[in-house]
Each structure stands twice: as structure tokens, then as C-alpha cells.
Amino acid sequence: MRSSYSSHVAELTYRSYDVNAFEEVLACNIKDVIAEFCLTDSDVIRSYVNNQLHGNMSEIVSSSTELFFKDDTLSYARASDISTALGDPPCVVLDMEFAHDTVSVSFKLILGEFSVGVHINRVFLSDDFESAFDPHSFARIVTSARLTPLPSRFRSAYCPAAALRH
């Protein structure tokens, strides 16, 4: 994590925020990255996870994000696992980080056999974050980190209609 974000941690669950709304914003904005990532052979991904080849996994994530997000905005956080619940097919769980402007988000990307999920662990706000932090402001920040506008089919209710980039 960047040191400038360590000063203020926003605990979404304790401040009556709807965590699902923040997860929806993030998930909608990274759908194209996930689609690109899923083009990688699943056996290769499982092999990298099982053998803890974090550098290789980081390269796959980097190449999947480079067309859609600014450099070092969305990155692999060097931890992964294969979750095996009894009766369920195994799923790959990657620790990820989104960092842009005044916000840094630590989250898990869960890649199942037929589904994909996002689980936010922590949100870090820098001291100079001045406005209210809600799903709409988070959507503006995530959208501004993109190189290309979010396709309309991926947009959630929280994402602004016009892509704001700077």
C-alpha cells in the first residue's frame, strides 16, 4: 500500500455504507479487465497460484489491465489461493489493489467456474480527501482512472454517464 493512504482508513461496514454498492462499482469497472484476464488458460493460472509464482501472476494481471486503466492503478497484491469448498467447484482468489487519486482499495477477485466476484477488504482514504465518500464519488474516482470510457453495457447505477478522466 502507498504510505500516503495509511493515515485514514474508511471502514465501510461500520459507517452505514452499503458495501455491496462499492463492490458493484468496482466490479462493473473491471469487467473488461476480467474478460481479458480470463483469456489466459485456466490451467496456467491454477499452476501459478499453486506454485506461488506471484511475479508471473502479476504480469498476467498487468497485461490484462494495460488497455483499460492507467499505469499502476489496478494491480495484483502478490497473494492468491484456490478455494475448495465441499461440494463446490474450486475457485481462484486473487488479492488485488486499486489505487488512484485519494483512494486505495484492497479487494479480492474471486474467479469461479461460472461466476466472478469482488469482495472489498479495506478502503484507504488520504488525508486530503475532502468530500463525502459514497458510491457515486467512488465511481467518479474509478472512472477517472480508466484510459477508455466504461462500455455502457458494463455501467452500474452508480457509474456516471459521462466518463470523467484526468
Protein backbone atom coordinates (compact mmCIF):
# COMPACT_ATOMS: atom_id res chain seq x y z
CA MET A 1 0.00 0.00 0.00
CA ARG A 2 1.11 3.53 -0.61
CA SER A 3 2.19 5.31 2.55
CA SER A 4 0.02 8.37 1.84
CA TYR A 5 -3.08 6.23 2.30
CA SER A 6 -2.16 4.88 5.74
CA SER A 7 -3.44 7.93 7.58
CA HIS A 8 -7.16 7.31 7.24
CA VAL A 9 -8.96 4.00 6.81
CA ALA A 10 -12.60 4.03 5.86
CA GLU A 11 -14.32 1.03 7.36
CA LEU A 12 -17.29 0.70 5.03
CA THR A 13 -19.16 -1.76 7.22
CA TYR A 14 -19.11 0.45 10.31
CA ARG A 15 -20.22 3.71 8.72
CA SER A 16 -23.58 2.53 7.43
CA TYR A 17 -22.22 2.40 3.88
CA ASP A 18 -23.67 -0.16 1.54
CA VAL A 19 -20.56 -2.25 0.88
CA ASN A 20 -22.35 -4.03 -1.95
CA ALA A 21 -22.72 -0.71 -3.78
CA PHE A 22 -18.96 -0.09 -3.64
CA GLU A 23 -18.30 -3.66 -4.78
CA GLU A 24 -20.76 -3.19 -7.66
CA VAL A 25 -18.98 -0.03 -8.79
CA LEU A 26 -15.61 -1.75 -8.71
CA ALA A 27 -16.87 -4.95 -10.37
CA CYS A 28 -18.60 -3.03 -13.18
CA ASN A 29 -15.47 -1.01 -13.87
CA ILE A 30 -13.16 -4.02 -14.09
CA LYS A 31 -15.38 -6.33 -16.18
CA ASP A 32 -13.31 -5.71 -19.29
CA VAL A 33 -10.11 -6.43 -17.35
CA ILE A 34 -11.62 -9.67 -16.03
CA ALA A 35 -12.68 -10.65 -19.56
CA GLU A 36 -9.13 -10.06 -20.78
CA PHE A 37 -7.68 -11.98 -17.80
CA CYS A 38 -9.99 -14.95 -18.46
CA LEU A 39 -8.45 -15.38 -21.92
CA THR A 40 -5.46 -16.88 -20.10
CA ASP A 41 -5.52 -20.67 -19.90
CA SER A 42 -7.09 -21.64 -16.57
CA ASP A 43 -4.50 -24.41 -16.05
CA VAL A 44 -1.73 -21.81 -16.28
CA ILE A 45 -3.47 -19.60 -13.72
CA ARG A 46 -4.00 -22.52 -11.33
CA SER A 47 -0.37 -23.56 -11.75
CA TYR A 48 0.86 -20.05 -10.92
CA VAL A 49 -1.40 -19.93 -7.85
CA ASN A 50 -0.43 -23.41 -6.61
CA ASN A 51 3.29 -22.74 -7.09
CA GLN A 52 3.08 -19.19 -5.72
CA LEU A 53 4.55 -17.67 -8.86
CA HIS A 54 3.48 -14.16 -7.93
CA GLY A 55 5.71 -12.42 -10.47
CA ASN A 56 4.12 -14.38 -13.30
CA MET A 57 0.61 -13.70 -11.98
CA SER A 58 1.45 -10.01 -11.67
CA GLU A 59 2.49 -9.95 -15.33
CA ILE A 60 -0.80 -11.54 -16.42
CA VAL A 61 -2.80 -9.01 -14.38
CA SER A 62 -0.65 -6.15 -15.70
CA SER A 63 -1.14 -7.14 -19.30
CA SER A 64 -4.89 -7.51 -18.70
CA THR A 65 -5.20 -4.01 -17.24
CA GLU A 66 -2.89 -2.02 -19.52
CA LEU A 67 -5.53 -1.37 -22.18
CA PHE A 68 -8.16 -0.15 -19.74
CA PHE A 69 -6.52 1.55 -16.72
CA LYS A 70 -3.70 3.99 -16.11
CA ASP A 71 -0.35 2.50 -15.05
CA ASP A 72 -0.17 1.06 -11.51
CA THR A 73 -3.83 1.85 -10.85
CA LEU A 74 -5.11 -1.72 -10.72
CA SER A 75 -2.58 -4.29 -9.60
CA TYR A 76 -2.06 -7.77 -8.21
CA ALA A 77 -1.28 -7.65 -4.47
CA ARG A 78 1.03 -10.70 -4.53
CA ALA A 79 -1.31 -13.14 -2.77
CA SER A 80 -3.58 -15.80 -4.21
CA ASP A 81 -5.30 -19.02 -3.27
CA ILE A 82 -7.53 -21.72 -4.63
CA SER A 83 -10.67 -22.02 -2.55
CA THR A 84 -12.12 -25.51 -2.34
CA ALA A 85 -15.41 -25.72 -0.51
CA LEU A 86 -17.05 -29.11 -0.09
CA GLY A 87 -19.49 -29.72 -2.93
CA ASP A 88 -18.48 -26.59 -4.85
CA PRO A 89 -16.06 -26.39 -7.77
CA PRO A 90 -12.72 -24.75 -6.87
CA CYS A 91 -12.30 -21.05 -7.44
CA VAL A 92 -9.21 -18.89 -7.76
CA VAL A 93 -8.98 -15.97 -5.31
CA LEU A 94 -6.57 -13.12 -6.13
CA ASP A 95 -5.72 -10.27 -3.78
CA MET A 96 -5.86 -7.03 -5.76
CA GLU A 97 -5.37 -3.32 -5.19
CA PHE A 98 -6.91 -0.29 -6.82
CA ALA A 99 -5.11 2.99 -6.11
CA HIS A 100 -5.93 6.32 -7.71
CA ASP A 101 -6.17 9.91 -6.55
CA THR A 102 -7.08 9.92 -2.86
CA VAL A 103 -8.41 6.36 -2.61
CA SER A 104 -6.76 2.97 -2.33
CA VAL A 105 -8.88 -0.19 -2.19
CA SER A 106 -7.71 -3.64 -1.14
CA PHE A 107 -10.02 -6.32 -2.54
CA LYS A 108 -10.30 -9.95 -3.54
CA LEU A 109 -11.15 -11.04 -7.06
CA ILE A 110 -12.91 -14.41 -6.94
CA LEU A 111 -12.90 -16.37 -10.19
CA GLY A 112 -15.28 -19.31 -10.06
CA GLU A 113 -16.19 -21.88 -12.66
CA PHE A 114 -19.21 -19.89 -13.92
CA SER A 115 -19.08 -16.70 -11.86
CA VAL A 116 -16.80 -13.86 -10.84
CA GLY A 117 -16.99 -11.85 -7.63
CA VAL A 118 -15.38 -8.86 -5.95
CA HIS A 119 -15.01 -8.56 -2.19
CA ILE A 120 -13.66 -5.29 -0.77
CA ASN A 121 -11.44 -5.78 2.27
CA ARG A 122 -10.42 -2.21 3.04
CA VAL A 123 -10.68 1.28 1.65
CA PHE A 124 -7.91 3.76 2.44
CA LEU A 125 -8.54 7.49 2.05
CA SER A 126 -5.75 10.06 2.08
CA ASP A 127 -5.93 12.99 4.49
CA ASP A 128 -6.74 15.44 1.70
CA PHE A 129 -9.98 13.66 0.78
CA GLU A 130 -12.44 16.49 1.35
CA SER A 131 -15.84 15.46 0.03
CA ALA A 132 -18.26 12.86 1.32
CA PHE A 133 -17.25 9.34 0.36
CA ASP A 134 -20.13 7.44 -1.18
CA PRO A 135 -20.60 5.04 -4.12
CA HIS A 136 -21.07 7.95 -6.56
CA SER A 137 -17.80 9.64 -5.57
CA PHE A 138 -16.04 6.27 -5.65
CA ALA A 139 -17.47 5.68 -9.16
CA ARG A 140 -16.09 9.05 -10.30
CA ILE A 141 -12.63 8.15 -8.96
CA VAL A 142 -12.60 4.69 -10.54
CA THR A 143 -13.91 6.09 -13.84
CA SER A 144 -11.19 8.75 -13.86
CA ALA A 145 -8.55 6.00 -13.56
CA ARG A 146 -9.69 4.38 -16.79
CA LEU A 147 -7.94 5.02 -20.11
CA THR A 148 -11.08 4.29 -22.08
CA PRO A 149 -14.68 5.03 -21.11
CA LEU A 150 -16.60 2.22 -19.49
CA PRO A 151 -18.80 0.47 -22.09
CA SER A 152 -22.45 1.24 -21.40
CA ARG A 153 -23.30 -2.45 -21.03
CA PHE A 154 -20.97 -2.62 -18.01
CA ARG A 155 -22.19 0.56 -16.30
CA SER A 156 -23.92 0.30 -12.91
CA ALA A 157 -26.44 2.75 -11.49
CA TYR A 158 -23.62 4.38 -9.51
CA CYS A 159 -21.35 4.99 -12.50
CA PRO A 160 -21.59 8.43 -14.09
CA ALA A 161 -22.96 8.52 -17.64
CA ALA A 162 -20.05 10.62 -18.92
CA ALA A 163 -16.62 9.22 -18.19
CA LEU A 164 -14.55 11.67 -16.19
CA ARG A 165 -10.85 11.26 -16.84
CA HIS A 166 -7.88 13.41 -15.88
